[in-house]
Amino acid sequence: MFTRVKVAVFLDGCFWHGCPTHHTVAKRNSAFWAEKVARNKERDADTNRRLQEAGWVVIRVWEHEDPEVAAEKVRTAVQSRRASMQGPNYAE
C-alpha cells in the first residue's frame, strides 16, 4: 500500500481468488473450495468498493501477470496520484 497517495495493491493467487483464466476446480472437497473461492471473490469486491469509496485507487494483480507490467501499472498509478495531489496544501 502506498498510503500517502492512497494506492492499494493486491497480488491475487489464481486458485484462491478465482482467476477467470487459470482457476481450476479442486478434485477433493470441491464444494468446500468452490464456496471458499466464492467468499474470497465477494470479500475482494467488498474491499475494492470500500477502498474506492474512501478515495483509494485499487490495483489487483494476478499471480500469472508479468511482474514488470504489474510494476509499471503500480508506478503509473502512484505517480498519477502524486501529481494530482500536488498543490499548496500538499505536504509530502
C-alpha atoms as a PDB file:
ATOM      1  CA  MET A   1       0.000   0.000   0.000  1.00  0.00           C
ATOM      2  CA  PHE A   2       1.091   3.490  -0.805  1.00  0.00           C
ATOM      3  CA  THR A   3      -0.728   5.262   1.995  1.00  0.00           C
ATOM      4  CA  ARG A   4       0.274   8.853   1.216  1.00  0.00           C
ATOM      5  CA  VAL A   5      -1.238   8.681  -2.249  1.00  0.00           C
ATOM      6  CA  LYS A   6      -3.935   6.129  -1.407  1.00  0.00           C
ATOM      7  CA  VAL A   7      -2.976   3.374  -3.847  1.00  0.00           C
ATOM      8  CA  ALA A   8      -3.692  -0.163  -2.638  1.00  0.00           C
ATOM      9  CA  VAL A   9      -2.066  -3.100  -4.437  1.00  0.00           C
ATOM     10  CA  PHE A  10      -3.164  -6.716  -4.062  1.00  0.00           C
ATOM     11  CA  LEU A  11      -1.469  -9.773  -5.520  1.00  0.00           C
ATOM     12  CA  ASP A  12      -4.158 -12.416  -6.011  1.00  0.00           C
ATOM     13  CA  GLY A  13      -3.485 -16.116  -6.441  1.00  0.00           C
ATOM     14  CA  CYS A  14      -5.304 -17.666  -9.392  1.00  0.00           C
ATOM     15  CA  PHE A  15      -6.783 -20.564  -7.412  1.00  0.00           C
ATOM     16  CA  TRP A  16      -7.653 -18.649  -4.233  1.00  0.00           C
ATOM     17  CA  HIS A  17      -9.284 -15.672  -5.925  1.00  0.00           C
ATOM     18  CA  GLY A  18     -10.960 -17.361  -8.893  1.00  0.00           C
ATOM     19  CA  CYS A  19      -8.900 -16.132 -11.841  1.00  0.00           C
ATOM     20  CA  PRO A  20     -11.117 -16.248 -14.937  1.00  0.00           C
ATOM     21  CA  THR A  21      -8.183 -17.598 -16.964  1.00  0.00           C
ATOM     22  CA  HIS A  22      -6.367 -20.020 -14.649  1.00  0.00           C
ATOM     23  CA  HIS A  23      -8.697 -21.022 -11.836  1.00  0.00           C
ATOM     24  CA  THR A  24      -9.094 -24.775 -11.573  1.00  0.00           C
ATOM     25  CA  VAL A  25     -11.749 -26.796  -9.794  1.00  0.00           C
ATOM     26  CA  ALA A  26     -10.469 -28.739  -6.808  1.00  0.00           C
ATOM     27  CA  LYS A  27     -10.647 -32.508  -7.159  1.00  0.00           C
ATOM     28  CA  ARG A  28     -11.152 -33.112  -3.448  1.00  0.00           C
ATOM     29  CA  ASN A  29     -13.704 -31.274  -1.333  1.00  0.00           C
ATOM     30  CA  SER A  30     -14.806 -29.391  -4.434  1.00  0.00           C
ATOM     31  CA  ALA A  31     -17.929 -27.943  -2.776  1.00  0.00           C
ATOM     32  CA  PHE A  32     -15.871 -26.594   0.128  1.00  0.00           C
ATOM     33  CA  TRP A  33     -13.300 -24.988  -2.184  1.00  0.00           C
ATOM     34  CA  ALA A  34     -15.923 -23.573  -4.529  1.00  0.00           C
ATOM     35  CA  GLU A  35     -17.596 -21.897  -1.537  1.00  0.00           C
ATOM     36  CA  LYS A  36     -14.234 -20.665  -0.223  1.00  0.00           C
ATOM     37  CA  VAL A  37     -13.285 -19.083  -3.569  1.00  0.00           C
ATOM     38  CA  ALA A  38     -16.753 -17.534  -3.911  1.00  0.00           C
ATOM     39  CA  ARG A  39     -16.381 -15.947  -0.450  1.00  0.00           C
ATOM     40  CA  ASN A  40     -12.906 -14.688  -1.359  1.00  0.00           C
ATOM     41  CA  LYS A  41     -14.269 -13.061  -4.526  1.00  0.00           C
ATOM     42  CA  GLU A  42     -17.101 -11.449  -2.557  1.00  0.00           C
ATOM     43  CA  ARG A  43     -14.647 -10.167   0.044  1.00  0.00           C
ATOM     44  CA  ASP A  44     -12.336  -8.828  -2.682  1.00  0.00           C
ATOM     45  CA  ALA A  45     -15.224  -6.956  -4.312  1.00  0.00           C
ATOM     46  CA  ASP A  46     -16.291  -5.540  -0.936  1.00  0.00           C
ATOM     47  CA  THR A  47     -12.714  -4.492  -0.154  1.00  0.00           C
ATOM     48  CA  ASN A  48     -12.402  -2.796  -3.552  1.00  0.00           C
ATOM     49  CA  ARG A  49     -15.689  -0.957  -3.043  1.00  0.00           C
ATOM     50  CA  ARG A  50     -14.809   0.239   0.471  1.00  0.00           C
ATOM     51  CA  LEU A  51     -11.385   1.450  -0.532  1.00  0.00           C
ATOM     52  CA  GLN A  52     -12.692   3.228  -3.630  1.00  0.00           C
ATOM     53  CA  GLU A  53     -15.416   4.922  -1.579  1.00  0.00           C
ATOM     54  CA  ALA A  54     -12.658   6.156   0.747  1.00  0.00           C
ATOM     55  CA  GLY A  55     -10.775   7.665  -2.197  1.00  0.00           C
ATOM     56  CA  TRP A  56      -8.240   4.902  -2.841  1.00  0.00           C
ATOM     57  CA  VAL A  57      -7.102   3.547  -6.196  1.00  0.00           C
ATOM     58  CA  VAL A  58      -7.197  -0.255  -6.097  1.00  0.00           C
ATOM     59  CA  ILE A  59      -4.879  -2.333  -8.250  1.00  0.00           C
ATOM     60  CA  ARG A  60      -5.273  -6.100  -8.364  1.00  0.00           C
ATOM     61  CA  VAL A  61      -2.559  -8.168  -9.974  1.00  0.00           C
ATOM     62  CA  TRP A  62      -2.973 -11.854 -10.806  1.00  0.00           C
ATOM     63  CA  GLU A  63      -0.079 -14.132  -9.878  1.00  0.00           C
ATOM     64  CA  HIS A  64       0.397 -15.057 -13.540  1.00  0.00           C
ATOM     65  CA  GLU A  65       0.834 -11.470 -14.721  1.00  0.00           C
ATOM     66  CA  ASP A  66       4.230 -10.282 -15.881  1.00  0.00           C
ATOM     67  CA  PRO A  67       5.894  -8.630 -12.851  1.00  0.00           C
ATOM     68  CA  GLU A  68       7.361  -5.807 -14.924  1.00  0.00           C
ATOM     69  CA  VAL A  69       3.974  -4.979 -16.450  1.00  0.00           C
ATOM     70  CA  ALA A  70       2.374  -5.072 -12.990  1.00  0.00           C
ATOM     71  CA  ALA A  71       5.108  -2.874 -11.518  1.00  0.00           C
ATOM     72  CA  GLU A  72       4.612  -0.350 -14.321  1.00  0.00           C
ATOM     73  CA  LYS A  73       0.874  -0.275 -13.614  1.00  0.00           C
ATOM     74  CA  VAL A  74       1.594   0.479  -9.948  1.00  0.00           C
ATOM     75  CA  ARG A  75       4.251   3.087 -10.767  1.00  0.00           C
ATOM     76  CA  THR A  76       1.906   4.865 -13.158  1.00  0.00           C
ATOM     77  CA  ALA A  77      -0.907   4.947 -10.598  1.00  0.00           C
ATOM     78  CA  VAL A  78       1.350   6.226  -7.804  1.00  0.00           C
ATOM     79  CA  GLN A  79       2.882   8.931  -9.997  1.00  0.00           C
ATOM     80  CA  SER A  80      -0.534   9.984 -11.244  1.00  0.00           C
ATOM     81  CA  ARG A  81      -1.867  10.271  -7.695  1.00  0.00           C
ATOM     82  CA  ARG A  82       1.208  12.213  -6.571  1.00  0.00           C
ATOM     83  CA  ALA A  83       0.766  14.639  -9.448  1.00  0.00           C
ATOM     84  CA  SER A  84      -2.924  15.117  -8.704  1.00  0.00           C
ATOM     85  CA  MET A  85      -2.184  15.792  -5.036  1.00  0.00           C
ATOM     86  CA  GLN A  86       0.487  18.424  -5.718  1.00  0.00           C
ATOM     87  CA  GLY A  87      -0.602  21.854  -4.740  1.00  0.00           C
ATOM     88  CA  PRO A  88      -0.423  24.475  -1.980  1.00  0.00           C
ATOM     89  CA  ASN A  89      -1.974  22.172   0.644  1.00  0.00           C
ATOM     90  CA  TYR A  90       0.030  19.031  -0.147  1.00  0.00           C
ATOM     91  CA  ALA A  91       2.938  18.172   2.118  1.00  0.00           C
ATOM     92  CA  GLU A  92       4.976  15.057   1.497  1.00  0.00           C
END
